[in-house]
Each structure stands twice: as C-alpha cells, then as structure tokens.
Amino acid sequence: MRRIRWLRVGLLALGALIACAGVACSLLGPDFSPAVATDSMRAEGLESRHVAWTPEGGDEETLHYVVAGSGGRRVLFVHGSPGTWEAYRGYLDDPRLRAVARLLAFDRPGFGDSGRGRTEPSLARQAAAAARVLDAEPGPPAVVVGHSLGGPIAARLAVDRPDLVGALVLVAPSLDPSLERHRWYNVAGSWRAVQLFLSVDMITSNRELWPLRAELEALEPRLREVRCPTIVIQGDEDELVPPANADFAARALPPGSVEVRRVPGEGHFVLWTRPEWTVAAIIESLSRPADALSGTGGE
C-alpha cells in the first residue's frame, strides 16, 4: 500500500511539474529555436552576434547575443532561468530605449545558442560571460538589467567588473540566501524518470538552481563592494521569489545606493506584465550624467 501511495504521489508531482514546465516554456516565446529566431528578427532591426569566451578552468565556448538601438550608452539584459535573450525582445523593440542606448541581450551559458544544455551554476562564471559580451561591445559603463536569477548574476558582475557597470536594475531578484530553498518541483526535477518528460531547458534550469543558495551565500558579503546605484523592482505578490528579497537588497548593498520600487498586485513576471516600470528605471539610470555612470562612485 505504501508503495502504491508513493507512486500516486510521484505521478501527481510529475503531472504538476510538466504543467509548470509548460507555463515556463510558454514564457520563453512561441518559438524557442535560435535559428528561427535569428531569421525572424532581421526585419525588426535586431542583429545577432557571437563572441568566443573561455570560462576560467574551461574550454573555449561561444556566446550568442543580440544588439538593437544606437548610441554610446549601453544596456545589458540578463535573463532568468530558464530563458534566452528573447525574454527581453519587447525591450529590444521599445523605441524609447532604442533612441537612447545600444541594447544588448545575450543567451546565458547553458541556454539558447550559448551551449544549450551545458549547465553553468557558478554566478562568477555567468557574470564573466556577461562581462565578455560587454567587452565585445565597448562603451561607457552599462546599465545592467537582471530578472530573477539574472539579478544575482548582474550583481556579481558589478562586484567583479565595476569598470563595466554604471547602474543596476534588478527585477524580482533572487538575492537572499536564507530565502532560497529547494521546492518540490526542484526535487522532482532531479529524478531521472521525471527528466524524461522535461525539456532540456527545464533540466538545465533545475541543475543551475540547485546549488544557488551556496552561490548566494558566497555573494552576500561582497555585495557591499557594488559601487553603482541600484533600482530594485519587486511585485508584492511574487510567489516564486519572495518579496523580502527586495528588503535584503536594501540591507546588503551599500547604504544610500538602493531604491526599492514595489509594484502592487504583481507577481514574479512583473518584467512582462508591467514593463513600464523597468523601462522607466532604465531611462532614469541612463539619464544620469556620464561621470555618474562610471562604476567608481561610493565606498
């Protein structure tokens, strides 16, 4: 009886996990094929580029990124998990942003056309990949936008390469290690039997999220090293990343450098449901004088 009961529980968990996977994949857009995406975006003024990158202690890899807009100022978008550059397609198409900056969105290592399926759980190496994209597109310090897992990656980039980051816009960021826990779907997603029914992107996502708490614990004491202003946008009904992460950011980052903006009635996907909040934060960050975006201010 006990075996049958656990079998039922497992089947229910599998069904729920597959349903969650379907929702997550639907958020990636109707077509997740890098090749098809590249063909369809030329008419939209988007340019697809690749750059070689060698992670510390690893072999040479290729990073894929997309460029839109013009101007000296740069905005780099860092997607969550799972995801690709297409998570920010609406922002790359936004005429207000295109008019004032060069917009860069990349496939993080393990997703899209940047070694899809090759898991990279290290925040430091993910941040190094983001730095490689910025190094390939020279300009003044960038405004770096990170959603969900992209948030701590953006923060790690600001710690490791302050010369590249002039401002942070963190949307529903996972930052507080004490709030990071393995949920039932993370556990179920680690079972081989369940993985047979999951996409490669969901498997990669689960593998990079599994050690996230330890990665955040290592990042926490270094957040005081962030030298640039930060805007945190947080939906107050976020059920995936607890809203208390925004309070943690206000405590952990240098005093006076953080502004928390709470969006009433919104959840984790506020990046897409209320894009005007993120657009406004980007434009505000870009409007600061160039010397204020030097990445060298503060303690």
Protein backbone atom coordinates (compact mmCIF):
# COMPACT_ATOMS: atom_id res chain seq x y z
CA MET A 1 0.00 0.00 0.00
CA ARG A 2 2.80 2.38 0.90
CA ARG A 3 4.48 1.76 -2.47
CA ILE A 4 1.23 2.45 -4.32
CA ARG A 5 0.70 5.62 -2.32
CA TRP A 6 4.18 6.91 -3.18
CA LEU A 7 3.60 6.00 -6.82
CA ARG A 8 0.46 8.12 -6.83
CA VAL A 9 2.31 10.99 -5.20
CA GLY A 10 5.07 10.69 -7.77
CA LEU A 11 2.62 10.69 -10.66
CA LEU A 12 0.83 13.73 -9.28
CA ALA A 13 4.15 15.52 -8.84
CA LEU A 14 5.16 14.60 -12.38
CA GLY A 15 1.91 15.94 -13.78
CA ALA A 16 2.23 19.18 -11.85
CA LEU A 17 5.88 19.56 -12.86
CA ILE A 18 5.06 19.06 -16.53
CA ALA A 19 2.31 21.65 -16.22
CA CYS A 20 4.77 24.09 -14.63
CA ALA A 21 7.26 23.34 -17.38
CA GLY A 22 4.65 24.17 -19.97
CA VAL A 23 3.97 27.52 -18.34
CA ALA A 24 7.68 28.30 -18.09
CA CYS A 25 8.34 27.37 -21.70
CA SER A 26 5.39 29.45 -22.86
CA LEU A 27 7.08 32.46 -21.25
CA LEU A 28 10.09 31.91 -23.48
CA GLY A 29 8.05 32.79 -26.52
CA PRO A 30 6.23 30.79 -29.21
CA ASP A 31 9.42 29.66 -30.89
CA PHE A 32 12.50 28.87 -28.82
CA SER A 33 14.70 27.86 -31.76
CA PRO A 34 17.77 30.12 -32.02
CA ALA A 35 17.98 29.57 -35.77
CA VAL A 36 14.36 30.51 -36.40
CA ALA A 37 14.64 33.45 -34.02
CA THR A 38 17.66 34.77 -35.93
CA ASP A 39 15.82 34.54 -39.25
CA SER A 40 12.74 36.32 -37.94
CA MET A 41 14.41 39.27 -36.24
CA ARG A 42 16.34 40.91 -39.08
CA ALA A 43 13.34 42.95 -40.17
CA GLU A 44 12.95 44.20 -36.60
CA GLY A 45 16.34 45.91 -36.56
CA LEU A 46 17.95 43.25 -34.38
CA GLU A 47 21.44 41.98 -35.12
CA SER A 48 22.60 38.55 -33.97
CA ARG A 49 26.26 38.22 -32.99
CA HIS A 50 28.58 35.62 -31.48
CA VAL A 51 31.75 36.02 -29.45
CA ALA A 52 34.29 33.48 -28.23
CA TRP A 53 34.58 33.07 -24.48
CA THR A 54 36.78 30.88 -22.30
CA PRO A 55 35.44 30.35 -18.77
CA GLU A 56 38.00 30.03 -16.00
CA GLY A 57 39.27 26.47 -15.95
CA GLY A 58 37.26 25.52 -19.04
CA ASP A 59 37.44 25.23 -22.79
CA GLU A 60 36.59 27.91 -25.32
CA GLU A 61 32.87 28.38 -25.86
CA THR A 62 30.66 30.66 -27.95
CA LEU A 63 28.25 33.22 -26.55
CA HIS A 64 25.29 34.46 -28.57
CA TYR A 65 23.88 37.94 -28.13
CA VAL A 66 21.61 40.39 -29.91
CA VAL A 67 22.10 44.12 -30.49
CA ALA A 68 19.48 46.81 -31.08
CA GLY A 69 19.41 50.60 -30.93
CA SER A 70 22.32 53.00 -31.16
CA GLY A 71 24.34 55.44 -29.13
CA GLY A 72 27.27 55.30 -26.77
CA ARG A 73 25.35 54.27 -23.67
CA ARG A 74 24.80 50.54 -23.27
CA VAL A 75 22.09 48.47 -21.60
CA LEU A 76 22.76 44.79 -20.97
CA PHE A 77 19.84 42.47 -20.22
CA VAL A 78 20.45 39.28 -18.20
CA HIS A 79 17.65 36.70 -18.33
CA GLY A 80 16.47 34.35 -15.62
CA SER A 81 16.15 30.58 -15.56
CA PRO A 82 15.18 29.15 -17.96
CA GLY A 83 15.32 31.74 -20.71
CA THR A 84 17.16 33.29 -23.64
CA TRP A 85 17.70 36.78 -24.99
CA GLU A 86 14.11 36.61 -26.24
CA ALA A 87 12.89 37.22 -22.70
CA TYR A 88 13.76 40.86 -23.44
CA ARG A 89 12.51 41.07 -27.02
CA GLY A 90 9.86 43.60 -26.04
CA TYR A 91 12.54 45.83 -24.51
CA LEU A 92 14.81 45.50 -27.55
CA ASP A 93 11.87 46.59 -29.70
CA ASP A 94 10.96 49.55 -27.47
CA PRO A 95 11.55 52.79 -29.43
CA ARG A 96 12.12 54.78 -26.23
CA LEU A 97 15.07 52.57 -25.31
CA ARG A 98 16.39 52.25 -28.86
CA ALA A 99 16.56 56.02 -29.14
CA VAL A 100 18.85 56.49 -26.16
CA ALA A 101 21.08 53.42 -25.92
CA ARG A 102 22.66 50.41 -27.53
CA LEU A 103 20.67 47.45 -26.22
CA LEU A 104 22.37 44.09 -25.66
CA ALA A 105 20.67 40.84 -24.67
CA PHE A 106 22.50 37.53 -24.55
CA ASP A 107 21.86 33.84 -24.11
CA ARG A 108 23.43 32.92 -20.81
CA PRO A 109 25.73 29.87 -20.79
CA GLY A 110 23.58 26.76 -21.00
CA PHE A 111 20.69 28.35 -22.89
CA GLY A 112 19.74 29.33 -26.42
CA ASP A 113 22.71 29.47 -28.75
CA SER A 114 25.26 29.66 -25.92
CA GLY A 115 25.85 25.96 -25.34
CA ARG A 116 22.26 24.94 -24.75
CA GLY A 117 22.05 22.14 -22.18
CA ARG A 118 25.54 22.69 -20.74
CA THR A 119 24.78 23.72 -17.16
CA GLU A 120 26.81 26.51 -15.57
CA PRO A 121 25.71 27.03 -11.93
CA SER A 122 28.55 29.40 -10.96
CA LEU A 123 27.41 33.01 -10.57
CA ALA A 124 31.02 34.12 -11.10
CA ARG A 125 31.29 32.36 -14.47
CA GLN A 126 27.84 33.52 -15.54
CA ALA A 127 28.90 37.07 -14.67
CA ALA A 128 32.15 36.56 -16.59
CA ALA A 129 30.09 35.63 -19.65
CA ALA A 130 28.11 38.84 -19.29
CA ALA A 131 31.38 40.75 -19.00
CA ARG A 132 32.62 39.15 -22.21
CA VAL A 133 29.59 40.48 -24.08
CA LEU A 134 30.20 43.99 -22.76
CA ASP A 135 33.90 43.77 -23.59
CA ALA A 136 32.92 42.85 -27.16
CA GLU A 137 30.75 45.99 -27.42
CA PRO A 138 32.93 48.78 -25.97
CA GLY A 139 31.38 51.85 -24.41
CA PRO A 140 30.90 53.67 -21.13
CA PRO A 141 29.74 51.69 -18.09
CA ALA A 142 26.44 49.97 -18.82
CA VAL A 143 23.08 49.84 -17.16
CA VAL A 144 22.67 46.13 -16.37
CA VAL A 145 19.16 44.72 -16.04
CA GLY A 146 18.70 41.33 -14.37
CA HIS A 147 15.45 39.43 -13.80
CA SER A 148 15.10 36.62 -11.26
CA LEU A 149 18.36 34.61 -11.39
CA GLY A 150 19.65 37.33 -13.70
CA GLY A 151 19.58 39.61 -10.65
CA PRO A 152 22.40 38.00 -8.66
CA ILE A 153 24.34 37.48 -11.89
CA ALA A 154 24.09 41.21 -12.59
CA ALA A 155 25.14 41.98 -9.01
CA ARG A 156 28.10 39.61 -9.28
CA LEU A 157 29.12 41.37 -12.50
CA ALA A 158 29.05 44.71 -10.66
CA VAL A 159 31.29 43.23 -7.95
CA ASP A 160 33.79 41.56 -10.27
CA ARG A 161 33.91 44.17 -13.05
CA PRO A 162 32.91 47.56 -11.61
CA ASP A 163 34.51 49.19 -14.64
CA LEU A 164 31.72 47.77 -16.80
CA VAL A 165 28.66 48.55 -14.68
CA GLY A 166 27.29 52.05 -14.15
CA ALA A 167 23.88 51.13 -12.72
CA LEU A 168 21.84 48.07 -11.82
CA VAL A 169 18.14 47.48 -12.42
CA LEU A 170 17.18 44.28 -10.60
CA VAL A 171 13.70 42.91 -11.26
CA ALA A 172 12.41 40.32 -8.76
CA PRO A 173 15.99 39.28 -7.98
CA SER A 174 16.93 36.15 -6.03
CA LEU A 175 19.50 37.59 -3.62
CA ASP A 176 18.81 36.45 -0.05
CA PRO A 177 20.36 33.02 0.60
CA SER A 178 18.12 32.47 3.62
CA LEU A 179 15.06 32.63 1.37
CA GLU A 180 16.45 30.18 -1.19
CA ARG A 181 15.16 26.64 -0.76
CA HIS A 182 14.56 23.55 -2.81
CA ARG A 183 10.89 23.32 -3.70
CA TRP A 184 9.06 20.12 -4.51
CA TYR A 185 9.44 20.68 -8.24
CA ASN A 186 13.22 21.09 -7.86
CA VAL A 187 13.37 17.75 -6.10
CA ALA A 188 11.09 16.04 -8.62
CA GLY A 189 13.02 17.61 -11.48
CA SER A 190 16.20 15.92 -10.29
CA TRP A 191 14.67 12.44 -10.73
CA ARG A 192 15.77 10.71 -13.93
CA ALA A 193 12.27 9.33 -14.52
CA VAL A 194 10.83 12.85 -14.41
CA GLN A 195 13.56 14.29 -16.63
CA LEU A 196 12.38 12.03 -19.45
CA PHE A 197 9.33 14.29 -19.71
CA LEU A 198 11.12 17.63 -19.36
CA SER A 199 12.73 19.87 -21.96
CA VAL A 200 16.49 20.33 -21.97
CA ASP A 201 15.93 23.91 -20.80
CA MET A 202 13.95 22.87 -17.74
CA ILE A 203 16.60 20.29 -16.83
CA THR A 204 19.38 22.85 -17.25
CA SER A 205 17.41 25.35 -15.18
CA ASN A 206 16.90 22.91 -12.33
CA ARG A 207 20.58 21.97 -12.31
CA GLU A 208 21.77 25.57 -12.12
CA LEU A 209 19.23 26.48 -9.43
CA TRP A 210 20.04 23.50 -7.19
CA PRO A 211 23.30 24.99 -5.75
CA LEU A 212 22.03 28.60 -5.81
CA ARG A 213 21.83 29.00 -2.04
CA ALA A 214 25.55 28.31 -1.65
CA GLU A 215 26.31 30.69 -4.51
CA LEU A 216 24.26 33.45 -2.85
CA GLU A 217 25.96 32.83 0.49
CA ALA A 218 29.30 33.44 -1.21
CA LEU A 219 27.99 36.59 -2.89
CA GLU A 220 26.34 38.13 0.19
CA PRO A 221 29.44 39.56 1.93
CA ARG A 222 30.67 41.03 -1.35
CA LEU A 223 27.52 42.98 -2.16
CA ARG A 224 28.93 45.91 -0.18
CA GLU A 225 31.53 46.21 -2.92
CA VAL A 226 28.94 47.27 -5.51
CA ARG A 227 29.87 50.84 -6.47
CA CYS A 228 26.91 51.85 -8.60
CA PRO A 229 23.31 52.91 -7.88
CA THR A 230 20.71 50.15 -7.88
CA ILE A 231 16.96 50.14 -8.51
CA VAL A 232 15.06 47.06 -7.33
CA ILE A 233 11.64 46.41 -8.85
CA GLN A 234 9.57 43.89 -6.90
CA GLY A 235 5.99 42.67 -7.27
CA ASP A 236 4.38 42.43 -3.85
CA GLU A 237 2.59 39.19 -4.77
CA ASP A 238 5.63 37.29 -6.06
CA GLU A 239 5.23 33.60 -5.19
CA LEU A 240 8.45 32.39 -6.83
CA VAL A 241 10.98 34.83 -5.41
CA PRO A 242 9.81 36.14 -2.01
CA PRO A 243 9.33 39.93 -1.96
CA ALA A 244 11.57 40.02 1.12
CA ASN A 245 14.48 39.72 -1.32
CA ALA A 246 13.99 43.42 -2.01
CA ASP A 247 14.41 44.20 1.70
CA PHE A 248 17.57 42.10 1.72
CA ALA A 249 18.95 44.09 -1.22
CA ALA A 250 18.33 47.34 0.66
CA ARG A 251 20.28 45.98 3.65
CA ALA A 252 23.08 44.17 1.83
CA LEU A 253 24.04 46.76 -0.79
CA PRO A 254 25.88 49.97 0.19
CA PRO A 255 23.72 52.38 2.23
CA GLY A 256 22.02 55.04 0.16
CA SER A 257 22.71 53.29 -3.14
CA VAL A 258 19.47 51.29 -3.39
CA GLU A 259 15.93 52.32 -4.25
CA VAL A 260 13.22 49.66 -3.89
CA ARG A 261 10.12 50.10 -6.05
CA ARG A 262 7.24 47.78 -5.14
CA VAL A 263 4.59 47.05 -7.76
CA PRO A 264 1.18 46.44 -6.16
CA GLY A 265 -0.71 43.32 -7.19
CA GLU A 266 2.07 41.93 -9.37
CA GLY A 267 3.97 38.65 -9.17
CA HIS A 268 7.27 37.31 -10.39
CA PHE A 269 6.66 38.13 -14.04
CA VAL A 270 6.32 41.87 -13.48
CA LEU A 271 9.10 42.22 -16.07
CA TRP A 272 6.49 41.39 -18.74
CA THR A 273 3.18 42.28 -17.11
CA ARG A 274 4.25 45.80 -16.16
CA PRO A 275 7.20 46.62 -18.44
CA GLU A 276 6.74 50.36 -17.96
CA TRP A 277 8.30 50.07 -14.51
CA THR A 278 11.50 48.56 -15.88
CA VAL A 279 11.63 50.90 -18.88
CA ALA A 280 11.29 53.91 -16.58
CA ALA A 281 14.08 52.62 -14.33
CA ILE A 282 16.38 52.08 -17.32
CA ILE A 283 15.74 55.53 -18.77
CA GLU A 284 16.23 57.12 -15.35
CA SER A 285 19.53 55.28 -14.92
CA LEU A 286 20.68 56.35 -18.38
CA SER A 287 19.72 59.97 -17.72
CA ARG A 288 22.36 60.34 -15.03
CA PRO A 289 25.46 62.25 -16.17
CA ALA A 290 28.08 60.08 -17.82
CA ASP A 291 30.50 60.53 -14.92
CA ALA A 292 27.80 59.22 -12.56
CA LEU A 293 27.80 56.00 -14.56
CA SER A 294 31.50 55.42 -14.09
CA GLY A 295 31.10 52.46 -11.77
CA THR A 296 33.62 54.02 -9.42
CA GLY A 297 31.43 56.07 -7.11
CA GLY A 298 30.67 55.15 -3.50
CA GLU A 299 32.66 53.30 -0.91
